[in-house]
Amino acid sequence: MKKTFRLQGLECANCAAKMENAIIKLKGVKTATINFLTTKMVIEAEDDRMDEIIESAEKIIKKYEPSVVIKKA
């Protein structure tokens, strides 16, 4: 399953790279990309773990940029 999100308020390219690297390491994630210029995040992961992965990804994003608002694209 693939899901796309918009990261509203993303201000740091280096932080986006760190977020991406951390999300890729989550169990069940096949691929994860964060495009700083378009502020889009795409996560491809196992269907049965997707909710858990999204919850973990949100925590990772908030750790690096607390002001970012995650919206479904």
PDB file of N, CA and C in Angstrom:
ATOM      1  N   MET A   1       0.837  -1.176   0.000  1.00  0.00           N
ATOM      2  CA  MET A   1       0.000   0.000   0.000  1.00  0.00           C
ATOM      3  C   MET A   1       0.888   1.247   0.000  1.00  0.00           C
ATOM      4  N   LYS A   2       0.479   2.229  -0.784  1.00  0.00           N
ATOM      5  CA  LYS A   2       1.229   3.483  -0.875  1.00  0.00           C
ATOM      6  C   LYS A   2       0.336   4.626  -0.437  1.00  0.00           C
ATOM      7  N   LYS A   3       0.859   5.492   0.440  1.00  0.00           N
ATOM      8  CA  LYS A   3       0.107   6.660   0.904  1.00  0.00           C
ATOM      9  C   LYS A   3       0.954   7.909   0.719  1.00  0.00           C
ATOM     10  N   THR A   4       0.282   8.992   0.360  1.00  0.00           N
ATOM     11  CA  THR A   4       0.958  10.273   0.138  1.00  0.00           C
ATOM     12  C   THR A   4       0.425  11.303   1.124  1.00  0.00           C
ATOM     13  N   PHE A   5       1.348  12.099   1.649  1.00  0.00           N
ATOM     14  CA  PHE A   5       1.002  13.137   2.621  1.00  0.00           C
ATOM     15  C   PHE A   5       1.681  14.445   2.248  1.00  0.00           C
ATOM     16  N   ARG A   6       1.095  15.557   2.700  1.00  0.00           N
ATOM     17  CA  ARG A   6       1.702  16.871   2.551  1.00  0.00           C
ATOM     18  C   ARG A   6       2.192  17.284   3.934  1.00  0.00           C
ATOM     19  N   LEU A   7       3.447  17.724   3.997  1.00  0.00           N
ATOM     20  CA  LEU A   7       4.036  18.162   5.261  1.00  0.00           C
ATOM     21  C   LEU A   7       4.033  19.687   5.286  1.00  0.00           C
ATOM     22  N   GLN A   8       2.956  20.254   5.786  1.00  0.00           N
ATOM     23  CA  GLN A   8       2.768  21.700   5.816  1.00  0.00           C
ATOM     24  C   GLN A   8       3.689  22.324   6.859  1.00  0.00           C
ATOM     25  N   GLY A   9       4.486  23.296   6.437  1.00  0.00           N
ATOM     26  CA  GLY A   9       5.374  23.982   7.364  1.00  0.00           C
ATOM     27  C   GLY A   9       6.768  23.390   7.437  1.00  0.00           C
ATOM     28  N   LEU A  10       7.085  22.467   6.535  1.00  0.00           N
ATOM     29  CA  LEU A  10       8.426  21.867   6.499  1.00  0.00           C
ATOM     30  C   LEU A  10       9.429  22.945   6.093  1.00  0.00           C
ATOM     31  N   GLU A  11      10.423  23.205   6.950  1.00  0.00           N
ATOM     32  CA  GLU A  11      11.335  24.324   6.713  1.00  0.00           C
ATOM     33  C   GLU A  11      12.798  23.935   6.586  1.00  0.00           C
ATOM     34  N   CYS A  12      13.138  22.682   6.867  1.00  0.00           N
ATOM     35  CA  CYS A  12      14.550  22.299   6.931  1.00  0.00           C
ATOM     36  C   CYS A  12      14.811  21.084   6.044  1.00  0.00           C
ATOM     37  N   ALA A  13      15.601  21.266   4.990  1.00  0.00           N
ATOM     38  CA  ALA A  13      15.919  20.166   4.076  1.00  0.00           C
ATOM     39  C   ALA A  13      16.704  19.070   4.786  1.00  0.00           C
ATOM     40  N   ASN A  14      17.618  19.459   5.656  1.00  0.00           N
ATOM     41  CA  ASN A  14      18.419  18.490   6.395  1.00  0.00           C
ATOM     42  C   ASN A  14      17.521  17.656   7.324  1.00  0.00           C
ATOM     43  N   CYS A  15      16.568  18.315   7.962  1.00  0.00           N
ATOM     44  CA  CYS A  15      15.625  17.606   8.843  1.00  0.00           C
ATOM     45  C   CYS A  15      14.772  16.628   8.027  1.00  0.00           C
ATOM     46  N   ALA A  16      14.363  17.041   6.835  1.00  0.00           N
ATOM     47  CA  ALA A  16      13.561  16.175   5.964  1.00  0.00           C
ATOM     48  C   ALA A  16      14.339  14.907   5.632  1.00  0.00           C
ATOM     49  N   ALA A  17      15.633  15.042   5.368  1.00  0.00           N
ATOM     50  CA  ALA A  17      16.485  13.885   5.064  1.00  0.00           C
ATOM     51  C   ALA A  17      16.583  12.962   6.284  1.00  0.00           C
ATOM     52  N   LYS A  18      16.717  13.541   7.474  1.00  0.00           N
ATOM     53  CA  LYS A  18      16.795  12.748   8.698  1.00  0.00           C
ATOM     54  C   LYS A  18      15.476  12.014   8.951  1.00  0.00           C
ATOM     55  N   MET A  19      14.359  12.709   8.711  1.00  0.00           N
ATOM     56  CA  MET A  19      13.044  12.094   8.873  1.00  0.00           C
ATOM     57  C   MET A  19      12.908  10.888   7.940  1.00  0.00           C
ATOM     58  N   GLU A  20      13.273  11.103   6.683  1.00  0.00           N
ATOM     59  CA  GLU A  20      13.175  10.050   5.669  1.00  0.00           C
ATOM     60  C   GLU A  20      13.993   8.828   6.084  1.00  0.00           C
ATOM     61  N   ASN A  21      15.220   9.058   6.518  1.00  0.00           N
ATOM     62  CA  ASN A  21      16.090   7.954   6.933  1.00  0.00           C
ATOM     63  C   ASN A  21      15.518   7.185   8.111  1.00  0.00           C
ATOM     64  N   ALA A  22      14.908   7.880   9.052  1.00  0.00           N
ATOM     65  CA  ALA A  22      14.322   7.227  10.223  1.00  0.00           C
ATOM     66  C   ALA A  22      13.064   6.441   9.844  1.00  0.00           C
ATOM     67  N   ILE A  23      12.243   7.004   8.961  1.00  0.00           N
ATOM     68  CA  ILE A  23      10.994   6.345   8.553  1.00  0.00           C
ATOM     69  C   ILE A  23      11.292   5.073   7.754  1.00  0.00           C
ATOM     70  N   ILE A  24      12.309   5.113   6.912  1.00  0.00           N
ATOM     71  CA  ILE A  24      12.686   3.945   6.107  1.00  0.00           C
ATOM     72  C   ILE A  24      13.042   2.757   7.014  1.00  0.00           C
ATOM     73  N   LYS A  25      13.579   3.034   8.197  1.00  0.00           N
ATOM     74  CA  LYS A  25      14.007   1.976   9.115  1.00  0.00           C
ATOM     75  C   LYS A  25      12.858   1.341   9.903  1.00  0.00           C
ATOM     76  N   LEU A  26      11.658   1.920   9.822  1.00  0.00           N
ATOM     77  CA  LEU A  26      10.515   1.360  10.542  1.00  0.00           C
ATOM     78  C   LEU A  26      10.151  -0.009   9.980  1.00  0.00           C
ATOM     79  N   LYS A  27       9.764  -0.924  10.852  1.00  0.00           N
ATOM     80  CA  LYS A  27       9.403  -2.271  10.446  1.00  0.00           C
ATOM     81  C   LYS A  27       8.174  -2.243   9.535  1.00  0.00           C
ATOM     82  N   GLY A  28       8.278  -2.894   8.389  1.00  0.00           N
ATOM     83  CA  GLY A  28       7.164  -2.970   7.445  1.00  0.00           C
ATOM     84  C   GLY A  28       7.228  -1.952   6.318  1.00  0.00           C
ATOM     85  N   VAL A  29       8.136  -0.980   6.418  1.00  0.00           N
ATOM     86  CA  VAL A  29       8.255   0.056   5.383  1.00  0.00           C
ATOM     87  C   VAL A  29       9.091  -0.479   4.225  1.00  0.00           C
ATOM     88  N   LYS A  30       8.541  -0.393   3.002  1.00  0.00           N
ATOM     89  CA  LYS A  30       9.281  -0.799   1.804  1.00  0.00           C
ATOM     90  C   LYS A  30      10.089   0.384   1.282  1.00  0.00           C
ATOM     91  N   THR A  31       9.411   1.528   1.112  1.00  0.00           N
ATOM     92  CA  THR A  31      10.099   2.754   0.693  1.00  0.00           C
ATOM     93  C   THR A  31       9.437   3.946   1.378  1.00  0.00           C
ATOM     94  N   ALA A  32      10.229   4.984   1.554  1.00  0.00           N
ATOM     95  CA  ALA A  32       9.709   6.242   2.095  1.00  0.00           C
ATOM     96  C   ALA A  32      10.522   7.375   1.494  1.00  0.00           C
ATOM     97  N   THR A  33       9.831   8.381   0.975  1.00  0.00           N
ATOM     98  CA  THR A  33      10.527   9.536   0.413  1.00  0.00           C
ATOM     99  C   THR A  33       9.867  10.808   0.919  1.00  0.00           C
ATOM    100  N   ILE A  34      10.704  11.797   1.196  1.00  0.00           N
ATOM    101  CA  ILE A  34      10.218  13.129   1.547  1.00  0.00           C
ATOM    102  C   ILE A  34      10.883  14.092   0.576  1.00  0.00           C
ATOM    103  N   ASN A  35      10.054  14.773  -0.218  1.00  0.00           N
ATOM    104  CA  ASN A  35      10.556  15.761  -1.159  1.00  0.00           C
ATOM    105  C   ASN A  35      10.419  17.132  -0.497  1.00  0.00           C
ATOM    106  N   PHE A  36      11.540  17.739  -0.182  1.00  0.00           N
ATOM    107  CA  PHE A  36      11.536  19.014   0.525  1.00  0.00           C
ATOM    108  C   PHE A  36      10.880  20.126  -0.303  1.00  0.00           C
ATOM    109  N   LEU A  37      11.159  20.156  -1.601  1.00  0.00           N
ATOM    110  CA  LEU A  37      10.632  21.236  -2.448  1.00  0.00           C
ATOM    111  C   LEU A  37       9.112  21.181  -2.595  1.00  0.00           C
ATOM    112  N   THR A  38       8.555  19.981  -2.720  1.00  0.00           N
ATOM    113  CA  THR A  38       7.099  19.862  -2.877  1.00  0.00           C
ATOM    114  C   THR A  38       6.408  19.601  -1.543  1.00  0.00           C
ATOM    115  N   THR A  39       7.179  19.397  -0.500  1.00  0.00           N
ATOM    116  CA  THR A  39       6.720  19.053   0.860  1.00  0.00           C
ATOM    117  C   THR A  39       5.836  17.806   0.867  1.00  0.00           C
ATOM    118  N   LYS A  40       6.138  16.867  -0.028  1.00  0.00           N
ATOM    119  CA  LYS A  40       5.369  15.626  -0.104  1.00  0.00           C
ATOM    120  C   LYS A  40       6.140  14.477   0.512  1.00  0.00           C
ATOM    121  N   MET A  41       5.411  13.640   1.230  1.00  0.00           N
ATOM    122  CA  MET A  41       5.982  12.416   1.775  1.00  0.00           C
ATOM    123  C   MET A  41       5.176  11.253   1.216  1.00  0.00           C
ATOM    124  N   VAL A  42       5.888  10.259   0.689  1.00  0.00           N
ATOM    125  CA  VAL A  42       5.242   9.057   0.174  1.00  0.00           C
ATOM    126  C   VAL A  42       5.806   7.867   0.944  1.00  0.00           C
ATOM    127  N   ILE A  43       4.902   7.084   1.508  1.00  0.00           N
ATOM    128  CA  ILE A  43       5.302   5.881   2.239  1.00  0.00           C
ATOM    129  C   ILE A  43       4.655   4.679   1.565  1.00  0.00           C
ATOM    130  N   GLU A  44       5.488   3.691   1.242  1.00  0.00           N
ATOM    131  CA  GLU A  44       4.977   2.421   0.736  1.00  0.00           C
ATOM    132  C   GLU A  44       5.327   1.369   1.777  1.00  0.00           C
ATOM    133  N   ALA A  45       4.296   0.665   2.246  1.00  0.00           N
ATOM    134  CA  ALA A  45       4.508  -0.277   3.346  1.00  0.00           C
ATOM    135  C   ALA A  45       3.481  -1.406   3.303  1.00  0.00           C
ATOM    136  N   GLU A  46       3.682  -2.376   4.186  1.00  0.00           N
ATOM    137  CA  GLU A  46       2.749  -3.490   4.306  1.00  0.00           C
ATOM    138  C   GLU A  46       1.385  -2.968   4.735  1.00  0.00           C
ATOM    139  N   ASP A  47       0.338  -3.468   4.085  1.00  0.00           N
ATOM    140  CA  ASP A  47      -1.027  -3.004   4.344  1.00  0.00           C
ATOM    141  C   ASP A  47      -1.424  -3.128   5.813  1.00  0.00           C
ATOM    142  N   ASP A  48      -1.134  -4.266   6.421  1.00  0.00           N
ATOM    143  CA  ASP A  48      -1.594  -4.526   7.787  1.00  0.00           C
ATOM    144  C   ASP A  48      -0.840  -3.723   8.850  1.00  0.00           C
ATOM    145  N   ARG A  49       0.261  -3.094   8.482  1.00  0.00           N
ATOM    146  CA  ARG A  49       1.043  -2.301   9.442  1.00  0.00           C
ATOM    147  C   ARG A  49       0.951  -0.797   9.163  1.00  0.00           C
ATOM    148  N   MET A  50       0.212  -0.403   8.137  1.00  0.00           N
ATOM    149  CA  MET A  50       0.222   0.996   7.679  1.00  0.00           C
ATOM    150  C   MET A  50      -0.180   1.978   8.777  1.00  0.00           C
ATOM    151  N   ASP A  51      -1.220   1.698   9.544  1.00  0.00           N
ATOM    152  CA  ASP A  51      -1.659   2.628  10.597  1.00  0.00           C
ATOM    153  C   ASP A  51      -0.562   2.841  11.635  1.00  0.00           C
ATOM    154  N   GLU A  52       0.062   1.750  12.032  1.00  0.00           N
ATOM    155  CA  GLU A  52       1.154   1.797  13.009  1.00  0.00           C
ATOM    156  C   GLU A  52       2.349   2.592  12.456  1.00  0.00           C
ATOM    157  N   ILE A  53       2.644   2.383  11.173  1.00  0.00           N
ATOM    158  CA  ILE A  53       3.769   3.072  10.524  1.00  0.00           C
ATOM    159  C   ILE A  53       3.502   4.574  10.429  1.00  0.00           C
ATOM    160  N   ILE A  54       2.287   4.944  10.056  1.00  0.00           N
ATOM    161  CA  ILE A  54       1.934   6.362   9.946  1.00  0.00           C
ATOM    162  C   ILE A  54       2.043   7.042  11.313  1.00  0.00           C
ATOM    163  N   GLU A  55       1.581   6.370  12.346  1.00  0.00           N
ATOM    164  CA  GLU A  55       1.671   6.910  13.707  1.00  0.00           C
ATOM    165  C   GLU A  55       3.135   7.126  14.107  1.00  0.00           C
ATOM    166  N   SER A  56       3.979   6.150  13.814  1.00  0.00           N
ATOM    167  CA  SER A  56       5.413   6.268  14.125  1.00  0.00           C
ATOM    168  C   SER A  56       6.067   7.366  13.289  1.00  0.00           C
ATOM    169  N   ALA A  57       5.680   7.463  12.020  1.00  0.00           N
ATOM    170  CA  ALA A  57       6.235   8.491  11.135  1.00  0.00           C
ATOM    171  C   ALA A  57       5.885   9.888  11.654  1.00  0.00           C
ATOM    172  N   GLU A  58       4.659  10.056  12.136  1.00  0.00           N
ATOM    173  CA  GLU A  58       4.241  11.351  12.687  1.00  0.00           C
ATOM    174  C   GLU A  58       5.103  11.733  13.887  1.00  0.00           C
ATOM    175  N   LYS A  59       5.405  10.766  14.741  1.00  0.00           N
ATOM    176  CA  LYS A  59       6.253  11.028  15.910  1.00  0.00           C
ATOM    177  C   LYS A  59       7.659  11.437  15.484  1.00  0.00           C
ATOM    178  N   ILE A  60       8.180  10.758  14.469  1.00  0.00           N
ATOM    179  CA  ILE A  60       9.516  11.083  13.956  1.00  0.00           C
ATOM    180  C   ILE A  60       9.530  12.506  13.400  1.00  0.00           C
ATOM    181  N   ILE A  61       8.518  12.848  12.611  1.00  0.00           N
ATOM    182  CA  ILE A  61       8.445  14.188  12.000  1.00  0.00           C
ATOM    183  C   ILE A  61       8.356  15.257  13.084  1.00  0.00           C
ATOM    184  N   LYS A  62       7.510  15.038  14.087  1.00  0.00           N
ATOM    185  CA  LYS A  62       7.349  16.011  15.174  1.00  0.00           C
ATOM    186  C   LYS A  62       8.629  16.168  15.993  1.00  0.00           C
ATOM    187  N   LYS A  63       9.425  15.117  16.069  1.00  0.00           N
ATOM    188  CA  LYS A  63      10.689  15.171  16.801  1.00  0.00           C
ATOM    189  C   LYS A  63      11.638  16.180  16.144  1.00  0.00           C
ATOM    190  N   TYR A  64      11.690  16.177  14.813  1.00  0.00           N
ATOM    191  CA  TYR A  64      12.596  17.070  14.091  1.00  0.00           C
ATOM    192  C   TYR A  64      11.993  18.445  13.832  1.00  0.00           C
ATOM    193  N   GLU A  65      10.714  18.491  13.507  1.00  0.00           N
ATOM    194  CA  GLU A  65      10.038  19.770  13.227  1.00  0.00           C
ATOM    195  C   GLU A  65       8.653  19.765  13.876  1.00  0.00           C
ATOM    196  N   PRO A  66       8.579  20.191  15.141  1.00  0.00           N
ATOM    197  CA  PRO A  66       7.317  20.134  15.890  1.00  0.00           C
ATOM    198  C   PRO A  66       6.168  20.929  15.260  1.00  0.00           C
ATOM    199  N   SER A  67       6.472  21.922  14.445  1.00  0.00           N
ATOM    200  CA  SER A  67       5.406  22.773  13.885  1.00  0.00           C
ATOM    201  C   SER A  67       4.803  22.217  12.591  1.00  0.00           C
ATOM    202  N   VAL A  68       5.337  21.124  12.060  1.00  0.00           N
ATOM    203  CA  VAL A  68       4.836  20.562  10.811  1.00  0.00           C
ATOM    204  C   VAL A  68       3.452  19.946  11.018  1.00  0.00           C
ATOM    205  N   VAL A  69       2.555  20.240  10.066  1.00  0.00           N
ATOM    206  CA  VAL A  69       1.214  19.665  10.073  1.00  0.00           C
ATOM    207  C   VAL A  69       1.165  18.623   8.949  1.00  0.00           C
ATOM    208  N   ILE A  70       0.783  17.399   9.309  1.00  0.00           N
ATOM    209  CA  ILE A  70       0.746  16.306   8.329  1.00  0.00           C
ATOM    210  C   ILE A  70      -0.674  16.162   7.819  1.00  0.00           C
ATOM    211  N   LYS A  71      -0.825  16.296   6.488  1.00  0.00           N
ATOM    212  CA  LYS A  71      -2.150  16.192   5.872  1.00  0.00           C
ATOM    213  C   LYS A  71      -2.115  15.147   4.777  1.00  0.00           C
ATOM    214  N   LYS A  72      -3.226  14.432   4.618  1.00  0.00           N
ATOM    215  CA  LYS A  72      -3.306  13.471   3.509  1.00  0.00           C
ATOM    216  C   LYS A  72      -3.377  14.245   2.211  1.00  0.00           C
ATOM    217  N   ALA A  73      -2.629  13.778   1.230  1.00  0.00           N
ATOM    218  CA  ALA A  73      -2.594  14.467  -0.070  1.00  0.00           C
ATOM    219  C   ALA A  73      -3.520  13.766  -1.054  1.00  0.00           C
TER     220      ALA A  73
END
